[in-house]
PDB file of N, CA and C in Angstrom:
ATOM      1  N   MET A   1      84.219-139.856  27.887  1.00  0.00           N
ATOM      2  CA  MET A   1      84.702-140.636  26.781  1.00  0.00           C
ATOM      3  C   MET A   1      85.752-139.831  26.024  1.00  0.00           C
ATOM      4  N   GLU A   2      86.831-140.483  25.650  1.00  0.00           N
ATOM      5  CA  GLU A   2      87.901-139.775  24.967  1.00  0.00           C
ATOM      6  C   GLU A   2      87.595-139.575  23.487  1.00  0.00           C
ATOM      7  N   ALA A   3      88.112-138.506  22.952  1.00  0.00           N
ATOM      8  CA  ALA A   3      87.993-138.248  21.525  1.00  0.00           C
ATOM      9  C   ALA A   3      88.988-139.149  20.801  1.00  0.00           C
ATOM     10  N   VAL A   4      88.679-139.478  19.549  1.00  0.00           N
ATOM     11  CA  VAL A   4      89.574-140.310  18.746  1.00  0.00           C
ATOM     12  C   VAL A   4      89.898-139.554  17.463  1.00  0.00           C
ATOM     13  N   LEU A   5      91.189-139.389  17.228  1.00  0.00           N
ATOM     14  CA  LEU A   5      91.658-138.705  16.027  1.00  0.00           C
ATOM     15  C   LEU A   5      92.234-139.740  15.069  1.00  0.00           C
ATOM     16  N   PHE A   6      91.722-139.746  13.844  1.00  0.00           N
ATOM     17  CA  PHE A   6      92.220-140.619  12.797  1.00  0.00           C
ATOM     18  C   PHE A   6      93.009-139.778  11.811  1.00  0.00           C
ATOM     19  N   GLY A   7      94.200-140.233  11.472  1.00  0.00           N
ATOM     20  CA  GLY A   7      95.008-139.494  10.514  1.00  0.00           C
ATOM     21  C   GLY A   7      96.292-140.216  10.208  1.00  0.00           C
ATOM     22  N   LEU A   8      97.160-139.528   9.501  1.00  0.00           N
ATOM     23  CA  LEU A   8      98.465-140.058   9.141  1.00  0.00           C
ATOM     24  C   LEU A   8      99.523-139.333   9.966  1.00  0.00           C
ATOM     25  N   HIS A   9     100.356-140.079  10.651  1.00  0.00           N
ATOM     26  CA  HIS A   9     101.336-139.485  11.554  1.00  0.00           C
ATOM     27  C   HIS A   9     102.260-138.496  10.840  1.00  0.00           C
ATOM     28  N   ARG A  10     102.563-138.748   9.597  1.00  0.00           N
ATOM     29  CA  ARG A  10     103.490-137.872   8.868  1.00  0.00           C
ATOM     30  C   ARG A  10     102.796-136.691   8.187  1.00  0.00           C
ATOM     31  N   ASP A  11     101.486-136.554   8.364  1.00  0.00           N
ATOM     32  CA  ASP A  11     100.705-135.496   7.730  1.00  0.00           C
ATOM     33  C   ASP A  11     100.736-134.209   8.559  1.00  0.00           C
ATOM     34  N   ARG A  12     100.950-133.081   7.904  1.00  0.00           N
ATOM     35  CA  ARG A  12     101.043-131.787   8.586  1.00  0.00           C
ATOM     36  C   ARG A  12      99.756-131.427   9.314  1.00  0.00           C
ATOM     37  N   ASP A  13      98.591-131.607   8.664  1.00  0.00           N
ATOM     38  CA  ASP A  13      97.315-131.272   9.303  1.00  0.00           C
ATOM     39  C   ASP A  13      97.057-132.149  10.528  1.00  0.00           C
ATOM     40  N   THR A  14      97.359-133.421  10.411  1.00  0.00           N
ATOM     41  CA  THR A  14      97.181-134.327  11.557  1.00  0.00           C
ATOM     42  C   THR A  14      98.062-133.894  12.713  1.00  0.00           C
ATOM     43  N   ASN A  15      99.302-133.548  12.438  1.00  0.00           N
ATOM     44  CA  ASN A  15     100.208-133.108  13.500  1.00  0.00           C
ATOM     45  C   ASN A  15      99.750-131.798  14.124  1.00  0.00           C
ATOM     46  N   SER A  16      99.169-130.899  13.325  1.00  0.00           N
ATOM     47  CA  SER A  16      98.633-129.649  13.863  1.00  0.00           C
ATOM     48  C   SER A  16      97.475-129.918  14.827  1.00  0.00           C
ATOM     49  N   VAL A  17      96.601-130.848  14.460  1.00  0.00           N
ATOM     50  CA  VAL A  17      95.477-131.190  15.333  1.00  0.00           C
ATOM     51  C   VAL A  17      95.975-131.878  16.601  1.00  0.00           C
ATOM     52  N   LEU A  18      96.960-132.750  16.476  1.00  0.00           N
ATOM     53  CA  LEU A  18      97.523-133.399  17.672  1.00  0.00           C
ATOM     54  C   LEU A  18      98.095-132.356  18.633  1.00  0.00           C
ATOM     55  N   THR A  19      98.776-131.367  18.093  1.00  0.00           N
ATOM     56  CA  THR A  19      99.312-130.288  18.926  1.00  0.00           C
ATOM     57  C   THR A  19      98.188-129.502  19.579  1.00  0.00           C
ATOM     58  N   LEU A  20      97.147-129.184  18.814  1.00  0.00           N
ATOM     59  CA  LEU A  20      95.998-128.448  19.340  1.00  0.00           C
ATOM     60  C   LEU A  20      95.334-129.216  20.484  1.00  0.00           C
ATOM     61  N   LEU A  21      95.088-130.493  20.288  1.00  0.00           N
ATOM     62  CA  LEU A  21      94.450-131.304  21.333  1.00  0.00           C
ATOM     63  C   LEU A  21      95.315-131.376  22.584  1.00  0.00           C
ATOM     64  N   SER A  22      96.612-131.518  22.397  1.00  0.00           N
ATOM     65  CA  SER A  22      97.528-131.555  23.548  1.00  0.00           C
ATOM     66  C   SER A  22      97.557-130.211  24.267  1.00  0.00           C
ATOM     67  N   ASP A  23      97.610-129.108  23.500  1.00  0.00           N
ATOM     68  CA  ASP A  23      97.630-127.773  24.104  1.00  0.00           C
ATOM     69  C   ASP A  23      96.373-127.505  24.926  1.00  0.00           C
ATOM     70  N   LEU A  24      95.238-128.064  24.479  1.00  0.00           N
ATOM     71  CA  LEU A  24      93.970-127.877  25.184  1.00  0.00           C
ATOM     72  C   LEU A  24      93.759-128.909  26.297  1.00  0.00           C
ATOM     73  N   ASN A  25      94.734-129.788  26.462  1.00  0.00           N
ATOM     74  CA  ASN A  25      94.641-130.874  27.454  1.00  0.00           C
ATOM     75  C   ASN A  25      93.386-131.715  27.242  1.00  0.00           C
ATOM     76  N   LYS A  26      93.017-131.896  25.979  1.00  0.00           N
ATOM     77  CA  LYS A  26      91.846-132.708  25.640  1.00  0.00           C
ATOM     78  C   LYS A  26      92.260-134.175  25.610  1.00  0.00           C
ATOM     79  N   VAL A  27      91.561-134.983  26.374  1.00  0.00           N
ATOM     80  CA  VAL A  27      91.844-136.413  26.394  1.00  0.00           C
ATOM     81  C   VAL A  27      91.494-136.978  25.024  1.00  0.00           C
ATOM     82  N   HIS A  28      92.451-137.626  24.400  1.00  0.00           N
ATOM     83  CA  HIS A  28      92.229-138.161  23.067  1.00  0.00           C
ATOM     84  C   HIS A  28      93.117-139.378  22.823  1.00  0.00           C
ATOM     85  N   ARG A  29      92.725-140.114  21.814  1.00  0.00           N
ATOM     86  CA  ARG A  29      93.518-141.253  21.357  1.00  0.00           C
ATOM     87  C   ARG A  29      93.772-141.024  19.877  1.00  0.00           C
ATOM     88  N   PHE A  30      94.983-141.302  19.436  1.00  0.00           N
ATOM     89  CA  PHE A  30      95.337-141.120  18.035  1.00  0.00           C
ATOM     90  C   PHE A  30      95.439-142.479  17.355  1.00  0.00           C
ATOM     91  N   VAL A  31      94.767-142.610  16.225  1.00  0.00           N
ATOM     92  CA  VAL A  31      94.841-143.822  15.424  1.00  0.00           C
ATOM     93  C   VAL A  31      95.549-143.469  14.123  1.00  0.00           C
ATOM     94  N   ASP A  32      96.778-143.971  13.987  1.00  0.00           N
ATOM     95  CA  ASP A  32      97.564-143.718  12.781  1.00  0.00           C
ATOM     96  C   ASP A  32      97.103-144.693  11.696  1.00  0.00           C
ATOM     97  N   LEU A  33      96.582-144.150  10.607  1.00  0.00           N
ATOM     98  CA  LEU A  33      96.104-144.988   9.513  1.00  0.00           C
ATOM     99  C   LEU A  33      97.253-145.573   8.700  1.00  0.00           C
ATOM    100  N   ARG A  34      98.449-145.108   8.932  1.00  0.00           N
ATOM    101  CA  ARG A  34      99.699-145.565   8.328  1.00  0.00           C
ATOM    102  C   ARG A  34      99.824-145.274   6.831  1.00  0.00           C
ATOM    103  N   ALA A  35      98.761-145.436   6.072  1.00  0.00           N
ATOM    104  CA  ALA A  35      98.789-145.153   4.640  1.00  0.00           C
ATOM    105  C   ALA A  35      97.374-144.874   4.163  1.00  0.00           C
ATOM    106  N   VAL A  36      97.265-144.038   3.157  1.00  0.00           N
ATOM    107  CA  VAL A  36      95.956-143.712   2.610  1.00  0.00           C
ATOM    108  C   VAL A  36      95.300-144.966   2.026  1.00  0.00           C
ATOM    109  N   GLU A  37      96.105-145.922   1.601  1.00  0.00           N
ATOM    110  CA  GLU A  37      95.603-147.137   0.970  1.00  0.00           C
ATOM    111  C   GLU A  37      95.329-148.267   1.961  1.00  0.00           C
ATOM    112  N   SER A  38      95.493-148.043   3.256  1.00  0.00           N
ATOM    113  CA  SER A  38      95.305-149.122   4.235  1.00  0.00           C
ATOM    114  C   SER A  38      93.837-149.528   4.325  1.00  0.00           C
ATOM    115  N   SER A  39      93.603-150.726   4.814  1.00  0.00           N
ATOM    116  CA  SER A  39      92.226-151.211   4.944  1.00  0.00           C
ATOM    117  C   SER A  39      91.446-150.376   5.961  1.00  0.00           C
ATOM    118  N   LEU A  40      92.107-149.925   7.023  1.00  0.00           N
ATOM    119  CA  LEU A  40      91.446-149.079   8.020  1.00  0.00           C
ATOM    120  C   LEU A  40      91.066-147.732   7.410  1.00  0.00           C
ATOM    121  N   SER A  41      91.960-147.172   6.628  1.00  0.00           N
ATOM    122  CA  SER A  41      91.677-145.904   5.955  1.00  0.00           C
ATOM    123  C   SER A  41      90.516-146.062   4.977  1.00  0.00           C
ATOM    124  N   ASP A  42      90.486-147.167   4.268  1.00  0.00           N
ATOM    125  CA  ASP A  42      89.403-147.442   3.324  1.00  0.00           C
ATOM    126  C   ASP A  42      88.063-147.562   4.052  1.00  0.00           C
ATOM    127  N   ALA A  43      88.045-148.282   5.155  1.00  0.00           N
ATOM    128  CA  ALA A  43      86.812-148.442   5.938  1.00  0.00           C
ATOM    129  C   ALA A  43      86.332-147.099   6.478  1.00  0.00           C
ATOM    130  N   LEU A  44      87.260-146.288   6.995  1.00  0.00           N
ATOM    131  CA  LEU A  44      86.913-144.977   7.536  1.00  0.00           C
ATOM    132  C   LEU A  44      86.343-144.067   6.443  1.00  0.00           C
ATOM    133  N   SER A  45      86.958-144.087   5.264  1.00  0.00           N
ATOM    134  CA  SER A  45      86.473-143.230   4.177  1.00  0.00           C
ATOM    135  C   SER A  45      85.073-143.645   3.728  1.00  0.00           C
ATOM    136  N   LYS A  46      84.774-144.930   3.787  1.00  0.00           N
ATOM    137  CA  LYS A  46      83.436-145.392   3.419  1.00  0.00           C
ATOM    138  C   LYS A  46      82.410-145.044   4.494  1.00  0.00           C
ATOM    139  N   MET A  47      82.794-145.133   5.753  1.00  0.00           N
ATOM    140  CA  MET A  47      81.868-144.789   6.837  1.00  0.00           C
ATOM    141  C   MET A  47      81.561-143.300   6.860  1.00  0.00           C
ATOM    142  N   CYS A  48      82.574-142.475   6.581  1.00  0.00           N
ATOM    143  CA  CYS A  48      82.399-141.017   6.648  1.00  0.00           C
ATOM    144  C   CYS A  48      82.099-140.397   5.288  1.00  0.00           C
ATOM    145  N   ASN A  49      82.155-141.207   4.243  1.00  0.00           N
ATOM    146  CA  ASN A  49      81.875-140.754   2.889  1.00  0.00           C
ATOM    147  C   ASN A  49      82.818-139.636   2.442  1.00  0.00           C
ATOM    148  N   THR A  50      84.075-139.744   2.846  1.00  0.00           N
ATOM    149  CA  THR A  50      85.083-138.760   2.455  1.00  0.00           C
ATOM    150  C   THR A  50      86.476-139.367   2.579  1.00  0.00           C
ATOM    151  N   ASN A  51      87.411-138.818   1.812  1.00  0.00           N
ATOM    152  CA  ASN A  51      88.818-139.214   1.923  1.00  0.00           C
ATOM    153  C   ASN A  51      89.620-138.157   2.672  1.00  0.00           C
ATOM    154  N   THR A  52      88.953-137.115   3.150  1.00  0.00           N
ATOM    155  CA  THR A  52      89.624-136.014   3.837  1.00  0.00           C
ATOM    156  C   THR A  52      90.109-136.466   5.215  1.00  0.00           C
ATOM    157  N   LEU A  53      91.345-136.121   5.522  1.00  0.00           N
ATOM    158  CA  LEU A  53      91.928-136.391   6.839  1.00  0.00           C
ATOM    159  C   LEU A  53      92.465-135.086   7.389  1.00  0.00           C
ATOM    160  N   PRO A  54      92.586-134.934   8.671  1.00  0.00           N
ATOM    161  CA  PRO A  54      92.239-135.869   9.737  1.00  0.00           C
ATOM    162  C   PRO A  54      90.739-135.865  10.027  1.00  0.00           C
ATOM    163  N   ILE A  55      90.328-136.881  10.782  1.00  0.00           N
ATOM    164  CA  ILE A  55      88.945-137.018  11.215  1.00  0.00           C
ATOM    165  C   ILE A  55      88.946-137.191  12.727  1.00  0.00           C
ATOM    166  N   LEU A  56      88.105-136.407  13.401  1.00  0.00           N
ATOM    167  CA  LEU A  56      87.985-136.482  14.855  1.00  0.00           C
ATOM    168  C   LEU A  56      86.588-136.967  15.212  1.00  0.00           C
ATOM    169  N   ALA A  57      86.517-137.998  16.030  1.00  0.00           N
ATOM    170  CA  ALA A  57      85.239-138.471  16.573  1.00  0.00           C
ATOM    171  C   ALA A  57      85.218-138.058  18.039  1.00  0.00           C
ATOM    172  N   ASP A  58      84.254-137.215  18.413  1.00  0.00           N
ATOM    173  CA  ASP A  58      84.184-136.702  19.775  1.00  0.00           C
ATOM    174  C   ASP A  58      82.731-136.634  20.225  1.00  0.00           C
ATOM    175  N   GLU A  59      82.427-137.352  21.269  1.00  0.00           N
ATOM    176  CA  GLU A  59      81.083-137.376  21.859  1.00  0.00           C
ATOM    177  C   GLU A  59      80.011-137.706  20.816  1.00  0.00           C
ATOM    178  N   GLY A  60      80.299-138.670  19.955  1.00  0.00           N
ATOM    179  CA  GLY A  60      79.325-139.135  18.984  1.00  0.00           C
ATOM    180  C   GLY A  60      79.206-138.291  17.733  1.00  0.00           C
ATOM    181  N   VAL A  61      80.042-137.273  17.597  1.00  0.00           N
ATOM    182  CA  VAL A  61      80.001-136.393  16.429  1.00  0.00           C
ATOM    183  C   VAL A  61      81.319-136.537  15.676  1.00  0.00           C
ATOM    184  N   ILE A  62      81.230-136.551  14.348  1.00  0.00           N
ATOM    185  CA  ILE A  62      82.408-136.679  13.496  1.00  0.00           C
ATOM    186  C   ILE A  62      82.758-135.303  12.921  1.00  0.00           C
ATOM    187  N   TYR A  63      84.022-134.917  13.063  1.00  0.00           N
ATOM    188  CA  TYR A  63      84.524-133.655  12.512  1.00  0.00           C
ATOM    189  C   TYR A  63      85.556-134.007  11.451  1.00  0.00           C
ATOM    190  N   ILE A  64      85.343-133.522  10.242  1.00  0.00           N
ATOM    191  CA  ILE A  64      86.174-133.897   9.115  1.00  0.00           C
ATOM    192  C   ILE A  64      87.003-132.712   8.663  1.00  0.00           C
ATOM    193  N   GLY A  65      88.306-132.906   8.638  1.00  0.00           N
ATOM    194  CA  GLY A  65      89.224-131.871   8.183  1.00  0.00           C
ATOM    195  C   GLY A  65      89.679-130.957   9.305  1.00  0.00           C
ATOM    196  N   ILE A  66      90.798-130.324   9.081  1.00  0.00           N
ATOM    197  CA  ILE A  66      91.438-129.522  10.123  1.00  0.00           C
ATOM    198  C   ILE A  66      90.589-128.325  10.545  1.00  0.00           C
ATOM    199  N   GLU A  67      89.945-127.643   9.602  1.00  0.00           N
ATOM    200  CA  GLU A  67      89.165-126.455   9.972  1.00  0.00           C
ATOM    201  C   GLU A  67      87.949-126.825  10.826  1.00  0.00           C
ATOM    202  N   SER A  68      87.279-127.897  10.468  1.00  0.00           N
ATOM    203  CA  SER A  68      86.133-128.359  11.256  1.00  0.00           C
ATOM    204  C   SER A  68      86.564-128.741  12.670  1.00  0.00           C
ATOM    205  N   ILE A  69      87.698-129.387  12.767  1.00  0.00           N
ATOM    206  CA  ILE A  69      88.213-129.799  14.087  1.00  0.00           C
ATOM    207  C   ILE A  69      88.624-128.583  14.897  1.00  0.00           C
ATOM    208  N   ARG A  70      89.262-127.608  14.269  1.00  0.00           N
ATOM    209  CA  ARG A  70      89.650-126.381  14.983  1.00  0.00           C
ATOM    210  C   ARG A  70      88.429-125.641  15.514  1.00  0.00           C
ATOM    211  N   ARG A  71      87.387-125.507  14.691  1.00  0.00           N
ATOM    212  CA  ARG A  71      86.166-124.833  15.140  1.00  0.00           C
ATOM    213  C   ARG A  71      85.564-125.567  16.329  1.00  0.00           C
ATOM    214  N   HIS A  72      85.528-126.880  16.275  1.00  0.00           N
ATOM    215  CA  HIS A  72      84.990-127.670  17.389  1.00  0.00           C
ATOM    216  C   HIS A  72      85.798-127.444  18.666  1.00  0.00           C
ATOM    217  N   CYS A  73      87.102-127.442  18.539  1.00  0.00           N
ATOM    218  CA  CYS A  73      87.966-127.298  19.720  1.00  0.00           C
ATOM    219  C   CYS A  73      87.886-125.896  20.316  1.00  0.00           C
ATOM    220  N   ARG A  74      87.597-124.895  19.500  1.00  0.00           N
ATOM    221  CA  ARG A  74      87.497-123.517  19.997  1.00  0.00           C
ATOM    222  C   ARG A  74      86.163-123.238  20.678  1.00  0.00           C
ATOM    223  N   SER A  75      85.173-124.080  20.404  1.00  0.00           N
ATOM    224  CA  SER A  75      83.845-123.834  20.988  1.00  0.00           C
ATOM    225  C   SER A  75      83.748-124.360  22.408  1.00  0.00           C
TER     226      SER A  75
END
């Protein structure tokens, strides 16, 4: 199953994670929330109980924020 990264395309942290996933050849799909105020972004923040981006869903586990995602990818 592919990992899914949620974030904003113009965000520096999101772009760093996209580069990291590509460098690791990790199969992933990117979902651009387009704006912090979008309905998808609102739904995601309510499901994860946070407004922090990016968010990575991988193998049933949610990783919130760039540092959490980096630690997951290094393990």
